[in-house]
């Protein structure tokens, strides 16, 4: 809705910067960093494929979010 010019919205800065039609409002306003949780059903937590995916996401999402 924000991209359709229907008002003000919130979102990740990295995604907003990728859209030239969006304008950051109050850029001087410091916002807290929100935690990011990776979750899976308990039965899948010991799966090697899930573990590899979690490790990949933890490594790469951290770098992406800091951009």
N, C-alpha and C. Protein backbone atom coordinates (compact mmCIF):
# COMPACT_ATOMS: atom_id res chain seq x y z
N UNK A 1 0.81 -1.19 0.00
CA UNK A 1 0.00 0.00 0.00
C UNK A 1 0.86 1.26 0.00
N UNK A 2 1.99 1.19 0.68
CA UNK A 2 2.88 2.35 0.69
C UNK A 2 3.40 2.63 -0.72
N UNK A 3 3.77 1.57 -1.43
CA UNK A 3 4.27 1.74 -2.81
C UNK A 3 3.18 2.28 -3.74
N UNK A 4 1.93 2.08 -3.37
CA UNK A 4 0.82 2.57 -4.18
C UNK A 4 0.40 3.98 -3.76
N UNK A 5 1.24 4.64 -2.92
CA UNK A 5 1.00 6.01 -2.46
C UNK A 5 -0.26 6.14 -1.62
N UNK A 6 -0.51 5.11 -0.80
CA UNK A 6 -1.69 5.13 0.07
C UNK A 6 -1.35 5.51 1.51
N UNK A 7 -0.21 6.13 1.73
CA UNK A 7 0.10 6.58 3.08
C UNK A 7 1.52 6.25 3.48
N UNK A 8 1.74 6.35 4.78
CA UNK A 8 3.05 6.09 5.37
C UNK A 8 3.05 4.67 5.91
N UNK A 9 4.17 3.98 5.74
CA UNK A 9 4.30 2.62 6.25
C UNK A 9 5.66 2.41 6.85
N UNK A 10 5.86 1.25 7.40
CA UNK A 10 7.16 0.90 7.97
C UNK A 10 7.69 -0.32 7.24
N UNK A 11 8.99 -0.46 7.25
CA UNK A 11 9.62 -1.61 6.62
C UNK A 11 11.11 -1.56 6.82
N UNK A 12 11.79 -2.54 6.28
CA UNK A 12 13.23 -2.61 6.39
C UNK A 12 13.86 -1.57 5.47
N UNK A 13 14.85 -0.86 5.99
CA UNK A 13 15.51 0.19 5.20
C UNK A 13 16.10 -0.35 3.91
N UNK A 14 16.70 -1.52 3.96
CA UNK A 14 17.35 -2.06 2.77
C UNK A 14 16.33 -2.31 1.66
N UNK A 15 15.12 -2.69 2.01
CA UNK A 15 14.09 -2.89 1.00
C UNK A 15 13.54 -1.55 0.51
N UNK A 16 13.40 -0.58 1.40
CA UNK A 16 12.93 0.74 1.00
C UNK A 16 13.89 1.45 0.08
N UNK A 17 15.18 1.28 0.35
CA UNK A 17 16.19 1.92 -0.50
C UNK A 17 16.19 1.35 -1.92
N UNK A 18 15.72 0.12 -2.05
CA UNK A 18 15.70 -0.52 -3.37
C UNK A 18 14.57 0.01 -4.24
N UNK A 19 13.63 0.74 -3.66
CA UNK A 19 12.49 1.28 -4.42
C UNK A 19 12.63 2.80 -4.51
N UNK A 20 12.95 3.32 -5.67
CA UNK A 20 13.17 4.77 -5.80
C UNK A 20 11.90 5.60 -5.61
N UNK A 21 10.74 4.98 -5.60
CA UNK A 21 9.50 5.73 -5.41
C UNK A 21 9.20 6.00 -3.93
N UNK A 22 9.92 5.35 -3.04
CA UNK A 22 9.69 5.55 -1.61
C UNK A 22 10.62 6.62 -1.07
N UNK A 23 10.12 7.40 -0.13
CA UNK A 23 10.89 8.46 0.51
C UNK A 23 10.92 8.18 2.00
N UNK A 24 12.12 8.21 2.58
CA UNK A 24 12.24 7.97 4.01
C UNK A 24 11.73 9.19 4.77
N UNK A 25 10.86 8.96 5.73
CA UNK A 25 10.30 10.02 6.57
C UNK A 25 11.01 9.96 7.92
N UNK A 26 11.44 11.10 8.41
CA UNK A 26 12.14 11.22 9.69
C UNK A 26 13.40 10.35 9.74
N UNK A 27 14.33 10.53 8.81
CA UNK A 27 15.54 9.71 8.81
C UNK A 27 16.41 9.91 10.05
N UNK A 28 16.24 11.03 10.74
CA UNK A 28 17.04 11.29 11.94
C UNK A 28 16.50 10.55 13.16
N UNK A 29 15.32 9.97 13.06
CA UNK A 29 14.72 9.25 14.17
C UNK A 29 15.41 7.89 14.33
N UNK A 30 16.06 7.68 15.47
CA UNK A 30 16.75 6.42 15.72
C UNK A 30 15.75 5.38 16.22
N UNK A 31 15.68 4.27 15.54
CA UNK A 31 14.77 3.19 15.93
C UNK A 31 15.57 2.02 16.48
N UNK A 32 15.00 1.30 17.43
CA UNK A 32 15.74 0.16 17.98
C UNK A 32 15.84 -0.97 16.96
N UNK A 33 16.89 -1.75 17.11
CA UNK A 33 17.05 -2.94 16.28
C UNK A 33 16.15 -4.03 16.83
N UNK A 34 15.43 -4.70 15.97
CA UNK A 34 14.54 -5.77 16.40
C UNK A 34 15.23 -7.12 16.23
N UNK A 35 14.95 -8.05 17.13
CA UNK A 35 15.59 -9.36 17.01
C UNK A 35 15.01 -10.15 15.84
N UNK A 36 15.79 -11.06 15.35
CA UNK A 36 15.37 -11.96 14.28
C UNK A 36 15.47 -13.37 14.82
N UNK A 37 14.37 -14.11 14.75
CA UNK A 37 14.32 -15.46 15.27
C UNK A 37 14.20 -16.45 14.12
N UNK A 38 14.99 -17.51 14.17
CA UNK A 38 14.86 -18.62 13.25
C UNK A 38 14.17 -19.75 14.02
N UNK A 39 13.07 -20.24 13.47
CA UNK A 39 12.31 -21.26 14.18
C UNK A 39 12.00 -22.44 13.27
N UNK A 40 11.74 -23.57 13.91
CA UNK A 40 11.33 -24.78 13.21
C UNK A 40 10.65 -25.68 14.24
N UNK A 41 9.78 -26.56 13.79
CA UNK A 41 9.18 -27.51 14.74
C UNK A 41 10.27 -28.32 15.45
N UNK A 42 10.01 -28.66 16.70
CA UNK A 42 11.01 -29.37 17.50
C UNK A 42 11.46 -30.67 16.83
N UNK A 43 10.56 -31.36 16.16
CA UNK A 43 10.90 -32.62 15.52
C UNK A 43 11.92 -32.45 14.39
N UNK A 44 12.02 -31.25 13.82
CA UNK A 44 12.94 -31.01 12.72
C UNK A 44 14.27 -30.40 13.15
N UNK A 45 14.39 -30.03 14.40
CA UNK A 45 15.58 -29.31 14.86
C UNK A 45 16.86 -30.14 14.78
N UNK A 46 16.74 -31.44 14.79
CA UNK A 46 17.92 -32.29 14.72
C UNK A 46 18.24 -32.72 13.29
N UNK A 47 17.45 -32.28 12.35
CA UNK A 47 17.67 -32.62 10.95
C UNK A 47 18.93 -31.92 10.43
N UNK A 48 19.86 -32.66 9.81
CA UNK A 48 21.06 -32.02 9.26
C UNK A 48 20.73 -30.96 8.21
N UNK A 49 19.69 -31.19 7.42
CA UNK A 49 19.33 -30.19 6.40
C UNK A 49 18.83 -28.90 7.04
N UNK A 50 18.02 -29.02 8.08
CA UNK A 50 17.52 -27.83 8.79
C UNK A 50 18.70 -27.12 9.46
N UNK A 51 19.60 -27.86 10.08
CA UNK A 51 20.77 -27.27 10.75
C UNK A 51 21.63 -26.49 9.76
N UNK A 52 21.87 -27.06 8.58
CA UNK A 52 22.67 -26.36 7.56
C UNK A 52 21.96 -25.10 7.10
N UNK A 53 20.64 -25.16 6.94
CA UNK A 53 19.88 -23.98 6.52
C UNK A 53 19.92 -22.91 7.59
N UNK A 54 19.75 -23.30 8.85
CA UNK A 54 19.83 -22.33 9.95
C UNK A 54 21.19 -21.66 9.97
N UNK A 55 22.25 -22.45 9.84
CA UNK A 55 23.60 -21.88 9.85
C UNK A 55 23.78 -20.91 8.68
N UNK A 56 23.30 -21.29 7.51
CA UNK A 56 23.39 -20.41 6.33
C UNK A 56 22.63 -19.11 6.57
N UNK A 57 21.39 -19.22 7.05
CA UNK A 57 20.58 -18.02 7.29
C UNK A 57 21.19 -17.14 8.36
N UNK A 58 21.67 -17.74 9.43
CA UNK A 58 22.26 -16.95 10.52
C UNK A 58 23.46 -16.17 10.03
N UNK A 59 24.27 -16.78 9.21
CA UNK A 59 25.46 -16.12 8.68
C UNK A 59 25.10 -15.03 7.68
N UNK A 60 24.25 -15.36 6.73
CA UNK A 60 23.98 -14.44 5.62
C UNK A 60 22.93 -13.40 5.93
N UNK A 61 21.94 -13.71 6.72
CA UNK A 61 20.95 -12.68 7.08
C UNK A 61 21.59 -11.61 7.95
N UNK A 62 22.49 -12.01 8.84
CA UNK A 62 23.17 -11.02 9.67
C UNK A 62 23.92 -10.00 8.83
N UNK A 63 24.63 -10.47 7.83
CA UNK A 63 25.37 -9.56 6.95
C UNK A 63 24.41 -8.70 6.13
N UNK A 64 23.31 -9.27 5.68
CA UNK A 64 22.34 -8.55 4.86
C UNK A 64 21.64 -7.46 5.70
N UNK A 65 21.30 -7.79 6.93
CA UNK A 65 20.59 -6.83 7.77
C UNK A 65 21.48 -5.68 8.19
N UNK A 66 22.78 -5.91 8.27
CA UNK A 66 23.72 -4.84 8.65
C UNK A 66 24.02 -3.90 7.50
N UNK A 67 23.59 -4.25 6.30
CA UNK A 67 23.89 -3.43 5.11
C UNK A 67 23.17 -2.10 5.15
